[in-house]
């Protein structure tokens, strides 16, 4: 009897994880208008090392990159998102960066922790920060290659461990399962738009997304013909580059694994 109950509990937890991924994907696409698509995912493996589902044996981002469908399929359409994750409930949620969607700057976890501490000391406001045990990614407002090129040209040296995810790039979002570990929020998204608590994500643990908009407010906005954006606030990349370069260059080896 205990064995049966234990199996039921495990199945219930798995279903909960799967519904959390679908709920998150729908919120990103429909509430925040972030184009998403399912990542390739991981191969079923009884061992501790989980390999990427793509054909590359030495994949640099196991499970957390587009494969089939490709990156151009990213969408904000709720029906497509629901169909994808209904058929592939364990697939990571991949954000197609650039265009009107957020861009990102990623760096090794240790360097990322140092950078966040430096931003806090300087009083610099941050947007959402996505984390795995090996890398952290700071989401920023969309930028062009020209703007990024000018910012990097001013630097004496940019470490190779610092990656920029702009047009044609991608980032895995919480609560995606990946080969590096489950993706979580190191800094949870804060509401954007016209101010006031329009939407949020459950804490830094990468839980489901819930909306705090009241019915009265929503009805009033419809009567006025206006809507309040629930998309998170995003900083400009120019405010972050100097610290990110400095902390990445100052961390031996560019940083490695940070336990959490």
Protein backbone atom coordinates (compact mmCIF):
# COMPACT_ATOMS: atom_id res chain seq x y z
CA UNK A 1 0.00 0.00 0.00
CA UNK A 2 2.84 2.40 0.87
CA UNK A 3 4.51 1.62 -2.44
CA UNK A 4 1.31 2.45 -4.35
CA UNK A 5 0.86 5.71 -2.45
CA UNK A 6 4.49 6.59 -3.09
CA UNK A 7 4.06 6.05 -6.81
CA UNK A 8 0.91 8.18 -6.85
CA UNK A 9 2.74 10.97 -5.02
CA UNK A 10 5.60 10.90 -7.54
CA UNK A 11 3.15 10.98 -10.45
CA UNK A 12 1.33 13.91 -8.83
CA UNK A 13 4.59 15.83 -8.39
CA UNK A 14 5.55 15.20 -12.01
CA UNK A 15 2.16 16.45 -13.21
CA UNK A 16 2.56 19.52 -11.02
CA UNK A 17 5.97 20.27 -12.57
CA UNK A 18 4.55 19.83 -16.06
CA UNK A 19 1.57 22.09 -15.41
CA UNK A 20 3.92 24.71 -13.95
CA UNK A 21 5.97 24.76 -17.16
CA UNK A 22 2.83 25.12 -19.31
CA UNK A 23 1.44 27.85 -17.04
CA UNK A 24 4.72 29.74 -17.20
CA UNK A 25 4.98 29.42 -20.98
CA UNK A 26 1.43 30.74 -21.44
CA UNK A 27 2.09 33.69 -19.14
CA UNK A 28 5.31 34.64 -20.90
CA UNK A 29 3.61 34.51 -24.29
CA UNK A 30 0.18 35.98 -23.58
CA UNK A 31 0.64 38.29 -20.59
CA UNK A 32 4.15 39.55 -21.30
CA UNK A 33 4.15 39.10 -25.09
CA UNK A 34 7.49 37.29 -25.03
CA UNK A 35 7.92 34.91 -28.01
CA UNK A 36 8.66 31.41 -26.74
CA UNK A 37 9.08 27.91 -28.10
CA UNK A 38 9.93 24.50 -26.61
CA UNK A 39 13.59 23.58 -26.22
CA UNK A 40 14.98 20.28 -27.43
CA UNK A 41 14.86 18.81 -23.91
CA UNK A 42 16.84 15.96 -22.38
CA UNK A 43 17.11 12.30 -23.28
CA UNK A 44 15.58 9.84 -20.81
CA UNK A 45 18.52 8.46 -18.88
CA UNK A 46 18.70 6.46 -15.68
CA UNK A 47 22.10 7.94 -14.82
CA UNK A 48 22.85 11.21 -13.06
CA UNK A 49 24.25 12.85 -16.22
CA UNK A 50 21.38 13.89 -18.46
CA UNK A 51 22.28 14.37 -22.11
CA UNK A 52 20.78 16.75 -24.63
CA UNK A 53 18.14 15.45 -26.97
CA UNK A 54 19.96 16.87 -30.00
CA UNK A 55 22.45 14.83 -32.09
CA UNK A 56 25.50 16.75 -30.77
CA UNK A 57 27.35 14.63 -28.16
CA UNK A 58 29.12 17.70 -26.72
CA UNK A 59 26.18 20.12 -26.76
CA UNK A 60 27.06 23.43 -25.05
CA UNK A 61 23.50 24.03 -23.78
CA UNK A 62 22.04 20.56 -23.13
CA UNK A 63 18.27 20.59 -23.39
CA UNK A 64 18.03 24.38 -23.33
CA UNK A 65 18.14 25.30 -27.00
CA UNK A 66 15.75 25.14 -29.98
CA UNK A 67 16.00 22.20 -32.36
CA UNK A 68 12.64 21.14 -33.77
CA UNK A 69 10.89 23.53 -34.14
CA UNK A 70 13.60 26.07 -34.91
CA UNK A 71 14.03 29.48 -33.32
CA UNK A 72 11.95 31.25 -35.99
CA UNK A 73 8.88 29.35 -34.76
CA UNK A 74 8.83 31.31 -31.47
CA UNK A 75 5.39 32.79 -30.90
CA UNK A 76 3.07 34.56 -28.48
CA UNK A 77 0.03 32.62 -29.71
CA UNK A 78 -1.69 30.88 -26.81
CA UNK A 79 -3.09 28.03 -28.91
CA UNK A 80 0.33 27.15 -30.31
CA UNK A 81 1.98 27.36 -26.88
CA UNK A 82 -0.69 25.15 -25.33
CA UNK A 83 -0.38 22.61 -28.15
CA UNK A 84 3.41 22.45 -27.84
CA UNK A 85 3.49 21.87 -24.09
CA UNK A 86 0.48 19.58 -24.09
CA UNK A 87 2.42 17.30 -26.44
CA UNK A 88 5.80 17.90 -24.79
CA UNK A 89 5.08 18.74 -21.14
CA UNK A 90 8.71 18.38 -20.04
CA UNK A 91 10.16 20.67 -22.71
CA UNK A 92 12.14 23.71 -21.52
CA UNK A 93 10.66 27.15 -22.21
CA UNK A 94 12.99 29.02 -24.56
CA UNK A 95 12.73 32.79 -25.07
CA UNK A 96 13.70 34.07 -28.52
CA UNK A 97 15.65 37.22 -27.65
CA UNK A 98 15.82 40.46 -29.61
CA UNK A 99 13.37 42.36 -31.75
CA UNK A 100 10.61 43.50 -29.39
CA UNK A 101 11.48 40.76 -26.90
CA UNK A 102 14.01 41.13 -24.08
CA UNK A 103 17.70 40.62 -24.76
CA UNK A 104 20.06 39.12 -22.20
CA UNK A 105 23.65 39.10 -20.98
CA UNK A 106 24.85 35.85 -19.41
CA UNK A 107 27.95 34.99 -17.42
CA UNK A 108 29.24 32.20 -15.15
CA UNK A 109 27.34 31.85 -11.89
CA UNK A 110 30.16 32.95 -9.57
CA UNK A 111 30.83 36.07 -11.64
CA UNK A 112 27.08 36.69 -11.79
CA UNK A 113 26.76 36.61 -8.00
CA UNK A 114 29.63 39.10 -7.69
CA UNK A 115 28.07 41.35 -10.32
CA UNK A 116 24.69 41.41 -8.55
CA UNK A 117 26.38 42.33 -5.29
CA UNK A 118 28.20 45.17 -7.06
CA UNK A 119 24.94 46.44 -8.60
CA UNK A 120 23.28 46.38 -5.19
CA UNK A 121 26.12 48.35 -3.63
CA UNK A 122 25.89 50.94 -6.41
CA UNK A 123 22.10 51.15 -6.13
CA UNK A 124 21.58 50.10 -9.76
CA UNK A 125 18.12 48.69 -10.43
CA UNK A 126 18.06 45.28 -12.11
CA UNK A 127 15.44 43.46 -14.10
CA UNK A 128 14.80 39.71 -14.02
CA UNK A 129 17.83 37.48 -13.51
CA UNK A 130 17.63 33.87 -14.71
CA UNK A 131 19.87 31.30 -13.02
CA UNK A 132 21.11 27.75 -13.37
CA UNK A 133 23.85 26.23 -11.20
CA UNK A 134 26.43 27.13 -13.88
CA UNK A 135 25.30 30.42 -15.50
CA UNK A 136 23.19 33.48 -14.73
CA UNK A 137 21.51 35.66 -17.34
CA UNK A 138 20.37 39.25 -16.79
CA UNK A 139 17.40 40.20 -18.96
CA UNK A 140 17.66 43.69 -20.46
CA UNK A 141 15.69 45.92 -22.81
CA UNK A 142 16.10 45.14 -26.53
CA UNK A 143 19.31 46.52 -28.02
CA UNK A 144 20.76 46.69 -31.52
CA UNK A 145 24.08 45.26 -32.63
CA UNK A 146 25.26 48.79 -33.35
CA UNK A 147 24.58 49.94 -29.79
CA UNK A 148 26.18 46.82 -28.33
CA UNK A 149 29.23 47.25 -30.58
CA UNK A 150 29.76 50.82 -29.35
CA UNK A 151 29.49 49.74 -25.71
CA UNK A 152 31.99 46.91 -26.11
CA UNK A 153 34.39 49.03 -28.16
CA UNK A 154 34.92 51.20 -25.08
CA UNK A 155 36.12 48.23 -23.06
CA UNK A 156 39.80 47.33 -22.89
CA UNK A 157 38.95 43.65 -22.93
CA UNK A 158 35.76 41.58 -22.90
CA UNK A 159 36.09 38.04 -21.46
CA UNK A 160 34.82 35.21 -23.61
CA UNK A 161 32.71 33.90 -20.72
CA UNK A 162 30.43 36.96 -21.06
CA UNK A 163 27.75 36.19 -23.66
CA UNK A 164 25.27 38.58 -25.28
CA UNK A 165 21.88 37.22 -26.36
CA UNK A 166 20.39 39.65 -28.86
CA UNK A 167 18.58 39.27 -32.18
CA UNK A 168 18.66 35.61 -33.18
CA UNK A 169 19.62 34.47 -29.68
CA UNK A 170 17.76 32.60 -26.96
CA UNK A 171 17.59 32.03 -23.20
CA UNK A 172 15.83 29.28 -21.23
CA UNK A 173 13.27 30.59 -18.74
CA UNK A 174 12.04 29.19 -15.39
CA UNK A 175 11.01 26.58 -14.47
CA UNK A 176 12.66 24.75 -17.38
CA UNK A 177 14.54 21.49 -16.76
CA UNK A 178 17.96 21.55 -18.47
CA UNK A 179 21.17 19.57 -18.41
CA UNK A 180 22.72 22.19 -16.13
CA UNK A 181 19.83 21.95 -13.67
CA UNK A 182 16.40 23.49 -13.35
CA UNK A 183 16.19 27.15 -14.35
CA UNK A 184 15.03 29.51 -11.61
CA UNK A 185 14.71 33.23 -10.91
CA UNK A 186 17.66 34.64 -9.00
CA UNK A 187 15.86 38.00 -9.16
CA UNK A 188 12.13 37.68 -9.78
CA UNK A 189 10.54 39.90 -12.45
CA UNK A 190 9.08 43.18 -11.21
CA UNK A 191 5.98 44.73 -12.78
CA UNK A 192 6.42 47.22 -15.58
CA UNK A 193 3.85 49.32 -17.41
CA UNK A 194 2.23 52.33 -15.74
CA UNK A 195 3.28 51.39 -12.25
CA UNK A 196 1.44 49.50 -9.54
CA UNK A 197 1.41 45.73 -9.05
CA UNK A 198 0.19 44.42 -12.38
CA UNK A 199 1.85 41.01 -12.35
CA UNK A 200 4.56 38.99 -10.70
CA UNK A 201 6.27 35.66 -10.49
CA UNK A 202 6.16 33.58 -7.34
CA UNK A 203 9.41 34.41 -5.62
CA UNK A 204 12.94 33.64 -6.73
CA UNK A 205 12.34 29.91 -6.79
CA UNK A 206 10.79 30.01 -10.25
CA UNK A 207 7.27 29.00 -9.36
CA UNK A 208 4.15 29.68 -11.35
CA UNK A 209 3.07 33.11 -12.45
CA UNK A 210 0.14 34.83 -10.87
CA UNK A 211 -1.57 38.10 -11.74
CA UNK A 212 -2.74 40.62 -9.17
CA UNK A 213 -5.03 42.70 -11.38
CA UNK A 214 -8.41 43.35 -9.86
CA UNK A 215 -11.64 42.90 -11.82
CA UNK A 216 -12.68 46.52 -11.27
CA UNK A 217 -9.40 47.84 -12.61
CA UNK A 218 -9.56 45.58 -15.64
CA UNK A 219 -13.15 46.61 -16.43
CA UNK A 220 -12.26 50.28 -16.05
CA UNK A 221 -9.31 49.90 -18.41
CA UNK A 222 -11.55 48.25 -20.99
CA UNK A 223 -14.05 51.11 -20.77
CA UNK A 224 -11.22 53.60 -21.25
CA UNK A 225 -9.80 51.58 -24.11
CA UNK A 226 -6.46 51.21 -22.32
CA UNK A 227 -4.56 48.30 -20.85
CA UNK A 228 -1.82 48.19 -18.30
CA UNK A 229 1.28 46.27 -19.32
CA UNK A 230 2.12 43.30 -17.15
CA UNK A 231 5.52 42.78 -18.76
CA UNK A 232 8.42 43.06 -16.31
CA UNK A 233 10.55 46.18 -16.20
CA UNK A 234 13.88 45.80 -18.03
CA UNK A 235 17.05 47.88 -17.59
CA UNK A 236 19.13 49.28 -20.44
CA UNK A 237 22.21 47.21 -21.26
CA UNK A 238 24.39 50.33 -21.17
CA UNK A 239 23.83 50.61 -17.41
CA UNK A 240 25.15 47.10 -16.79
CA UNK A 241 27.97 46.40 -19.22
CA UNK A 242 30.84 47.96 -17.26
CA UNK A 243 30.16 46.00 -14.08
CA UNK A 244 29.50 42.74 -15.93
CA UNK A 245 32.78 43.01 -17.85
CA UNK A 246 34.71 43.91 -14.70
CA UNK A 247 33.30 41.07 -12.59
CA UNK A 248 33.66 38.50 -15.38
CA UNK A 249 37.26 39.49 -15.97
CA UNK A 250 38.01 39.58 -12.25
CA UNK A 251 36.73 36.09 -11.48
CA UNK A 252 39.43 33.40 -11.94
CA UNK A 253 38.45 31.24 -14.88
CA UNK A 254 35.41 33.43 -15.46
CA UNK A 255 33.60 31.70 -12.60
CA UNK A 256 32.31 28.16 -12.38
CA UNK A 257 29.56 26.46 -10.39
CA UNK A 258 27.68 28.16 -7.57
CA UNK A 259 25.72 25.90 -5.23
CA UNK A 260 22.22 26.95 -4.23
